[in-house]
Amino acid sequence: MTAQEYEFYELGPVWHMCSNGTHQYAIFRNRDELIYGMNLVALAASNYIDEIKMLTFEVMSNHFHFVLMGTFEECRR
């Protein structure tokens, strides 16, 4: 088993979580705000490094997507 397979199968459940994207307005008005938002995601991930592991994320114009590893309660928080 590779290290990636071990993490996926043995270290906990994996969750796809996203924010509500049904609204039409954009979260970010310009590139600087987008960069700020991405930095906030990185900061949040580093603050919860013992509880969850962020496998990947995507910042869209009006919502976010995250693939997180950890308990549902910790990931949702």
PDB file of N, CA and C in Angstrom:
ATOM      1  N   MET A   1       0.854  -1.176   0.000  1.00  0.00           N
ATOM      2  CA  MET A   1       0.000   0.000   0.000  1.00  0.00           C
ATOM      3  C   MET A   1       0.905   1.246   0.000  1.00  0.00           C
ATOM      4  N   THR A   2       0.602   2.192  -0.877  1.00  0.00           N
ATOM      5  CA  THR A   2       1.385   3.422  -0.933  1.00  0.00           C
ATOM      6  C   THR A   2       1.015   4.340   0.235  1.00  0.00           C
ATOM      7  N   ALA A   3       1.833   5.341   0.476  1.00  0.00           N
ATOM      8  CA  ALA A   3       1.555   6.298   1.554  1.00  0.00           C
ATOM      9  C   ALA A   3       0.234   7.017   1.308  1.00  0.00           C
ATOM     10  N   GLN A   4      -0.049   7.352   0.057  1.00  0.00           N
ATOM     11  CA  GLN A   4      -1.302   8.028  -0.261  1.00  0.00           C
ATOM     12  C   GLN A   4      -2.499   7.111  -0.013  1.00  0.00           C
ATOM     13  N   GLU A   5      -2.376   5.855  -0.384  1.00  0.00           N
ATOM     14  CA  GLU A   5      -3.459   4.905  -0.132  1.00  0.00           C
ATOM     15  C   GLU A   5      -3.667   4.700   1.362  1.00  0.00           C
ATOM     16  N   TYR A   6      -2.579   4.642   2.117  1.00  0.00           N
ATOM     17  CA  TYR A   6      -2.692   4.483   3.568  1.00  0.00           C
ATOM     18  C   TYR A   6      -3.475   5.650   4.158  1.00  0.00           C
ATOM     19  N   GLU A   7      -3.094   6.877   3.778  1.00  0.00           N
ATOM     20  CA  GLU A   7      -3.808   8.044   4.299  1.00  0.00           C
ATOM     21  C   GLU A   7      -5.284   7.982   3.948  1.00  0.00           C
ATOM     22  N   PHE A   8      -5.592   7.631   2.724  1.00  0.00           N
ATOM     23  CA  PHE A   8      -6.982   7.620   2.277  1.00  0.00           C
ATOM     24  C   PHE A   8      -7.801   6.566   3.008  1.00  0.00           C
ATOM     25  N   TYR A   9      -7.257   5.370   3.160  1.00  0.00           N
ATOM     26  CA  TYR A   9      -8.029   4.262   3.723  1.00  0.00           C
ATOM     27  C   TYR A   9      -7.917   4.124   5.240  1.00  0.00           C
ATOM     28  N   GLU A  10      -6.841   4.574   5.837  1.00  0.00           N
ATOM     29  CA  GLU A  10      -6.593   4.271   7.239  1.00  0.00           C
ATOM     30  C   GLU A  10      -6.695   5.455   8.202  1.00  0.00           C
ATOM     31  N   LEU A  11      -6.535   6.670   7.729  1.00  0.00           N
ATOM     32  CA  LEU A  11      -6.450   7.789   8.658  1.00  0.00           C
ATOM     33  C   LEU A  11      -7.779   8.465   8.955  1.00  0.00           C
ATOM     34  N   GLY A  12      -8.829   8.054   8.328  1.00  0.00           N
ATOM     35  CA  GLY A  12     -10.118   8.635   8.674  1.00  0.00           C
ATOM     36  C   GLY A  12     -10.989   8.849   7.459  1.00  0.00           C
ATOM     37  N   PRO A  13     -12.239   9.164   7.731  1.00  0.00           N
ATOM     38  CA  PRO A  13     -13.158   9.394   6.616  1.00  0.00           C
ATOM     39  C   PRO A  13     -12.782  10.653   5.837  1.00  0.00           C
ATOM     40  N   VAL A  14     -13.164  10.663   4.583  1.00  0.00           N
ATOM     41  CA  VAL A  14     -12.908  11.804   3.696  1.00  0.00           C
ATOM     42  C   VAL A  14     -14.252  12.420   3.348  1.00  0.00           C
ATOM     43  N   TRP A  15     -14.319  13.748   3.429  1.00  0.00           N
ATOM     44  CA  TRP A  15     -15.567  14.469   3.201  1.00  0.00           C
ATOM     45  C   TRP A  15     -15.397  15.519   2.115  1.00  0.00           C
ATOM     46  N   HIS A  16     -16.371  15.605   1.228  1.00  0.00           N
ATOM     47  CA  HIS A  16     -16.461  16.731   0.290  1.00  0.00           C
ATOM     48  C   HIS A  16     -17.439  17.709   0.913  1.00  0.00           C
ATOM     49  N   MET A  17     -16.951  18.900   1.212  1.00  0.00           N
ATOM     50  CA  MET A  17     -17.800  19.912   1.837  1.00  0.00           C
ATOM     51  C   MET A  17     -17.721  21.169   0.986  1.00  0.00           C
ATOM     52  N   CYS A  18     -18.839  21.871   0.902  1.00  0.00           N
ATOM     53  CA  CYS A  18     -18.843  23.102   0.115  1.00  0.00           C
ATOM     54  C   CYS A  18     -19.795  24.110   0.740  1.00  0.00           C
ATOM     55  N   SER A  19     -19.541  25.349   0.420  1.00  0.00           N
ATOM     56  CA  SER A  19     -20.440  26.406   0.882  1.00  0.00           C
ATOM     57  C   SER A  19     -21.581  26.552  -0.113  1.00  0.00           C
ATOM     58  N   ASN A  20     -22.602  27.261   0.297  1.00  0.00           N
ATOM     59  CA  ASN A  20     -23.773  27.469  -0.550  1.00  0.00           C
ATOM     60  C   ASN A  20     -23.390  28.327  -1.753  1.00  0.00           C
ATOM     61  N   GLY A  21     -23.623  27.826  -2.938  1.00  0.00           N
ATOM     62  CA  GLY A  21     -23.290  28.559  -4.152  1.00  0.00           C
ATOM     63  C   GLY A  21     -24.513  28.905  -4.980  1.00  0.00           C
ATOM     64  N   THR A  22     -25.693  28.912  -4.349  1.00  0.00           N
ATOM     65  CA  THR A  22     -26.912  29.156  -5.118  1.00  0.00           C
ATOM     66  C   THR A  22     -27.154  30.636  -5.388  1.00  0.00           C
ATOM     67  N   HIS A  23     -26.454  31.496  -4.671  1.00  0.00           N
ATOM     68  CA  HIS A  23     -26.642  32.928  -4.903  1.00  0.00           C
ATOM     69  C   HIS A  23     -25.872  33.363  -6.153  1.00  0.00           C
ATOM     70  N   GLN A  24     -26.258  34.446  -6.736  1.00  0.00           N
ATOM     71  CA  GLN A  24     -25.671  34.914  -7.992  1.00  0.00           C
ATOM     72  C   GLN A  24     -24.488  35.857  -7.803  1.00  0.00           C
ATOM     73  N   TYR A  25     -24.336  36.422  -6.627  1.00  0.00           N
ATOM     74  CA  TYR A  25     -23.267  37.408  -6.443  1.00  0.00           C
ATOM     75  C   TYR A  25     -21.929  36.721  -6.203  1.00  0.00           C
ATOM     76  N   ALA A  26     -20.866  37.393  -6.566  1.00  0.00           N
ATOM     77  CA  ALA A  26     -19.521  36.866  -6.391  1.00  0.00           C
ATOM     78  C   ALA A  26     -19.013  37.188  -4.990  1.00  0.00           C
ATOM     79  N   ILE A  27     -18.253  36.268  -4.419  1.00  0.00           N
ATOM     80  CA  ILE A  27     -17.644  36.489  -3.114  1.00  0.00           C
ATOM     81  C   ILE A  27     -16.504  37.497  -3.236  1.00  0.00           C
ATOM     82  N   PHE A  28     -15.747  37.390  -4.303  1.00  0.00           N
ATOM     83  CA  PHE A  28     -14.577  38.230  -4.497  1.00  0.00           C
ATOM     84  C   PHE A  28     -14.809  39.206  -5.643  1.00  0.00           C
ATOM     85  N   ARG A  29     -14.486  40.453  -5.412  1.00  0.00           N
ATOM     86  CA  ARG A  29     -14.695  41.480  -6.438  1.00  0.00           C
ATOM     87  C   ARG A  29     -13.492  41.674  -7.333  1.00  0.00           C
ATOM     88  N   ASN A  30     -12.315  41.222  -6.889  1.00  0.00           N
ATOM     89  CA  ASN A  30     -11.105  41.414  -7.700  1.00  0.00           C
ATOM     90  C   ASN A  30     -10.057  40.381  -7.297  1.00  0.00           C
ATOM     91  N   ARG A  31      -8.937  40.403  -7.989  1.00  0.00           N
ATOM     92  CA  ARG A  31      -7.871  39.421  -7.765  1.00  0.00           C
ATOM     93  C   ARG A  31      -7.306  39.513  -6.345  1.00  0.00           C
ATOM     94  N   ASP A  32      -7.130  40.705  -5.824  1.00  0.00           N
ATOM     95  CA  ASP A  32      -6.593  40.866  -4.471  1.00  0.00           C
ATOM     96  C   ASP A  32      -7.494  40.199  -3.432  1.00  0.00           C
ATOM     97  N   GLU A  33      -8.800  40.346  -3.584  1.00  0.00           N
ATOM     98  CA  GLU A  33      -9.729  39.700  -2.652  1.00  0.00           C
ATOM     99  C   GLU A  33      -9.672  38.182  -2.780  1.00  0.00           C
ATOM    100  N   LEU A  34      -9.514  37.678  -3.995  1.00  0.00           N
ATOM    101  CA  LEU A  34      -9.385  36.235  -4.215  1.00  0.00           C
ATOM    102  C   LEU A  34      -8.131  35.707  -3.517  1.00  0.00           C
ATOM    103  N   ILE A  35      -7.014  36.389  -3.665  1.00  0.00           N
ATOM    104  CA  ILE A  35      -5.772  35.981  -3.012  1.00  0.00           C
ATOM    105  C   ILE A  35      -5.936  36.009  -1.497  1.00  0.00           C
ATOM    106  N   TYR A  36      -6.585  37.040  -0.985  1.00  0.00           N
ATOM    107  CA  TYR A  36      -6.850  37.137   0.449  1.00  0.00           C
ATOM    108  C   TYR A  36      -7.689  35.939   0.916  1.00  0.00           C
ATOM    109  N   GLY A  37      -8.714  35.603   0.154  1.00  0.00           N
ATOM    110  CA  GLY A  37      -9.564  34.459   0.496  1.00  0.00           C
ATOM    111  C   GLY A  37      -8.796  33.152   0.500  1.00  0.00           C
ATOM    112  N   MET A  38      -7.915  32.964  -0.470  1.00  0.00           N
ATOM    113  CA  MET A  38      -7.119  31.736  -0.520  1.00  0.00           C
ATOM    114  C   MET A  38      -6.158  31.674   0.667  1.00  0.00           C
ATOM    115  N   ASN A  39      -5.614  32.809   1.067  1.00  0.00           N
ATOM    116  CA  ASN A  39      -4.743  32.840   2.241  1.00  0.00           C
ATOM    117  C   ASN A  39      -5.521  32.524   3.515  1.00  0.00           C
ATOM    118  N   LEU A  40      -6.770  32.975   3.595  1.00  0.00           N
ATOM    119  CA  LEU A  40      -7.602  32.642   4.748  1.00  0.00           C
ATOM    120  C   LEU A  40      -7.856  31.140   4.826  1.00  0.00           C
ATOM    121  N   VAL A  41      -8.069  30.506   3.684  1.00  0.00           N
ATOM    122  CA  VAL A  41      -8.259  29.054   3.656  1.00  0.00           C
ATOM    123  C   VAL A  41      -7.001  28.360   4.188  1.00  0.00           C
ATOM    124  N   ALA A  42      -5.828  28.802   3.735  1.00  0.00           N
ATOM    125  CA  ALA A  42      -4.576  28.210   4.208  1.00  0.00           C
ATOM    126  C   ALA A  42      -4.399  28.413   5.709  1.00  0.00           C
ATOM    127  N   LEU A  43      -4.725  29.596   6.196  1.00  0.00           N
ATOM    128  CA  LEU A  43      -4.623  29.874   7.626  1.00  0.00           C
ATOM    129  C   LEU A  43      -5.569  28.981   8.419  1.00  0.00           C
ATOM    130  N   ALA A  44      -6.791  28.841   7.962  1.00  0.00           N
ATOM    131  CA  ALA A  44      -7.758  27.977   8.649  1.00  0.00           C
ATOM    132  C   ALA A  44      -7.264  26.533   8.666  1.00  0.00           C
ATOM    133  N   ALA A  45      -6.725  26.072   7.558  1.00  0.00           N
ATOM    134  CA  ALA A  45      -6.217  24.690   7.501  1.00  0.00           C
ATOM    135  C   ALA A  45      -5.072  24.501   8.488  1.00  0.00           C
ATOM    136  N   SER A  46      -4.203  25.490   8.612  1.00  0.00           N
ATOM    137  CA  SER A  46      -3.072  25.354   9.529  1.00  0.00           C
ATOM    138  C   SER A  46      -3.518  25.420  10.987  1.00  0.00           C
ATOM    139  N   ASN A  47      -4.605  26.120  11.278  1.00  0.00           N
ATOM    140  CA  ASN A  47      -5.105  26.213  12.650  1.00  0.00           C
ATOM    141  C   ASN A  47      -5.730  24.914  13.143  1.00  0.00           C
ATOM    142  N   TYR A  48      -6.160  24.053  12.231  1.00  0.00           N
ATOM    143  CA  TYR A  48      -6.830  22.809  12.608  1.00  0.00           C
ATOM    144  C   TYR A  48      -6.033  21.579  12.181  1.00  0.00           C
ATOM    145  N   ILE A  49      -4.734  21.727  12.056  1.00  0.00           N
ATOM    146  CA  ILE A  49      -3.896  20.657  11.508  1.00  0.00           C
ATOM    147  C   ILE A  49      -3.933  19.381  12.346  1.00  0.00           C
ATOM    148  N   ASP A  50      -4.196  19.507  13.650  1.00  0.00           N
ATOM    149  CA  ASP A  50      -4.276  18.306  14.493  1.00  0.00           C
ATOM    150  C   ASP A  50      -5.622  17.609  14.381  1.00  0.00           C
ATOM    151  N   GLU A  51      -6.671  18.334  13.978  1.00  0.00           N
ATOM    152  CA  GLU A  51      -8.016  17.761  13.909  1.00  0.00           C
ATOM    153  C   GLU A  51      -8.393  17.281  12.515  1.00  0.00           C
ATOM    154  N   ILE A  52      -7.981  18.033  11.504  1.00  0.00           N
ATOM    155  CA  ILE A  52      -8.364  17.692  10.125  1.00  0.00           C
ATOM    156  C   ILE A  52      -7.164  17.842   9.206  1.00  0.00           C
ATOM    157  N   LYS A  53      -7.281  17.213   8.054  1.00  0.00           N
ATOM    158  CA  LYS A  53      -6.278  17.371   7.005  1.00  0.00           C
ATOM    159  C   LYS A  53      -7.012  17.809   5.748  1.00  0.00           C
ATOM    160  N   MET A  54      -6.607  18.935   5.190  1.00  0.00           N
ATOM    161  CA  MET A  54      -7.208  19.413   3.952  1.00  0.00           C
ATOM    162  C   MET A  54      -6.465  18.763   2.788  1.00  0.00           C
ATOM    163  N   LEU A  55      -7.173  17.934   2.036  1.00  0.00           N
ATOM    164  CA  LEU A  55      -6.547  17.246   0.916  1.00  0.00           C
ATOM    165  C   LEU A  55      -6.498  18.132  -0.315  1.00  0.00           C
ATOM    166  N   THR A  56      -7.558  18.896  -0.530  1.00  0.00           N
ATOM    167  CA  THR A  56      -7.597  19.837  -1.639  1.00  0.00           C
ATOM    168  C   THR A  56      -8.741  20.809  -1.408  1.00  0.00           C
ATOM    169  N   PHE A  57      -8.696  21.917  -2.109  1.00  0.00           N
ATOM    170  CA  PHE A  57      -9.802  22.873  -2.059  1.00  0.00           C
ATOM    171  C   PHE A  57      -9.864  23.619  -3.369  1.00  0.00           C
ATOM    172  N   GLU A  58     -11.018  24.213  -3.618  1.00  0.00           N
ATOM    173  CA  GLU A  58     -11.196  25.052  -4.800  1.00  0.00           C
ATOM    174  C   GLU A  58     -12.032  26.255  -4.399  1.00  0.00           C
ATOM    175  N   VAL A  59     -11.543  27.411  -4.779  1.00  0.00           N
ATOM    176  CA  VAL A  59     -12.247  28.654  -4.526  1.00  0.00           C
ATOM    177  C   VAL A  59     -12.930  29.060  -5.826  1.00  0.00           C
ATOM    178  N   MET A  60     -14.244  29.094  -5.814  1.00  0.00           N
ATOM    179  CA  MET A  60     -15.023  29.501  -6.975  1.00  0.00           C
ATOM    180  C   MET A  60     -15.431  30.962  -6.793  1.00  0.00           C
ATOM    181  N   SER A  61     -16.046  31.538  -7.789  1.00  0.00           N
ATOM    182  CA  SER A  61     -16.429  32.953  -7.685  1.00  0.00           C
ATOM    183  C   SER A  61     -17.494  33.191  -6.624  1.00  0.00           C
ATOM    184  N   ASN A  62     -18.364  32.194  -6.387  1.00  0.00           N
ATOM    185  CA  ASN A  62     -19.439  32.400  -5.416  1.00  0.00           C
ATOM    186  C   ASN A  62     -19.555  31.305  -4.349  1.00  0.00           C
ATOM    187  N   HIS A  63     -18.582  30.385  -4.293  1.00  0.00           N
ATOM    188  CA  HIS A  63     -18.583  29.362  -3.243  1.00  0.00           C
ATOM    189  C   HIS A  63     -17.234  28.646  -3.180  1.00  0.00           C
ATOM    190  N   PHE A  64     -17.078  27.798  -2.173  1.00  0.00           N
ATOM    191  CA  PHE A  64     -15.863  27.027  -1.958  1.00  0.00           C
ATOM    192  C   PHE A  64     -16.171  25.532  -2.006  1.00  0.00           C
ATOM    193  N   HIS A  65     -15.153  24.737  -2.360  1.00  0.00           N
ATOM    194  CA  HIS A  65     -15.201  23.284  -2.238  1.00  0.00           C
ATOM    195  C   HIS A  65     -13.981  22.845  -1.443  1.00  0.00           C
ATOM    196  N   PHE A  66     -14.179  21.884  -0.527  1.00  0.00           N
ATOM    197  CA  PHE A  66     -13.087  21.334   0.268  1.00  0.00           C
ATOM    198  C   PHE A  66     -13.195  19.822   0.279  1.00  0.00           C
ATOM    199  N   VAL A  67     -12.062  19.139   0.214  1.00  0.00           N
ATOM    200  CA  VAL A  67     -12.002  17.708   0.487  1.00  0.00           C
ATOM    201  C   VAL A  67     -11.146  17.582   1.737  1.00  0.00           C
ATOM    202  N   LEU A  68     -11.804  17.153   2.827  1.00  0.00           N
ATOM    203  CA  LEU A  68     -11.187  17.129   4.147  1.00  0.00           C
ATOM    204  C   LEU A  68     -11.178  15.722   4.714  1.00  0.00           C
ATOM    205  N   MET A  69     -10.177  15.442   5.532  1.00  0.00           N
ATOM    206  CA  MET A  69     -10.071  14.163   6.208  1.00  0.00           C
ATOM    207  C   MET A  69     -10.150  14.423   7.709  1.00  0.00           C
ATOM    208  N   GLY A  70     -11.047  13.723   8.371  1.00  0.00           N
ATOM    209  CA  GLY A  70     -11.235  13.865   9.807  1.00  0.00           C
ATOM    210  C   GLY A  70     -12.666  13.519  10.158  1.00  0.00           C
ATOM    211  N   THR A  71     -13.034  13.739  11.398  1.00  0.00           N
ATOM    212  CA  THR A  71     -14.413  13.460  11.788  1.00  0.00           C
ATOM    213  C   THR A  71     -15.337  14.465  11.127  1.00  0.00           C
ATOM    214  N   PHE A  72     -16.577  14.082  10.934  1.00  0.00           N
ATOM    215  CA  PHE A  72     -17.551  14.980  10.324  1.00  0.00           C
ATOM    216  C   PHE A  72     -17.695  16.250  11.144  1.00  0.00           C
ATOM    217  N   GLU A  73     -17.756  16.097  12.451  1.00  0.00           N
ATOM    218  CA  GLU A  73     -17.965  17.258  13.322  1.00  0.00           C
ATOM    219  C   GLU A  73     -16.820  18.261  13.193  1.00  0.00           C
ATOM    220  N   GLU A  74     -15.574  17.767  13.196  1.00  0.00           N
ATOM    221  CA  GLU A  74     -14.428  18.671  13.077  1.00  0.00           C
ATOM    222  C   GLU A  74     -14.372  19.317  11.696  1.00  0.00           C
ATOM    223  N   CYS A  75     -14.647  18.551  10.658  1.00  0.00           N
ATOM    224  CA  CYS A  75     -14.620  19.107   9.298  1.00  0.00           C
ATOM    225  C   CYS A  75     -15.710  20.150   9.110  1.00  0.00           C
ATOM    226  N   ARG A  76     -16.869  19.898   9.647  1.00  0.00           N
ATOM    227  CA  ARG A  76     -17.972  20.844   9.505  1.00  0.00           C
ATOM    228  C   ARG A  76     -17.679  22.151  10.240  1.00  0.00           C
ATOM    229  N   ARG A  77     -17.028  22.037  11.383  1.00  0.00           N
ATOM    230  CA  ARG A  77     -16.678  23.224  12.167  1.00  0.00           C
ATOM    231  C   ARG A  77     -15.717  24.080  11.382  1.00  0.00           C
TER     232      ARG A  77
END
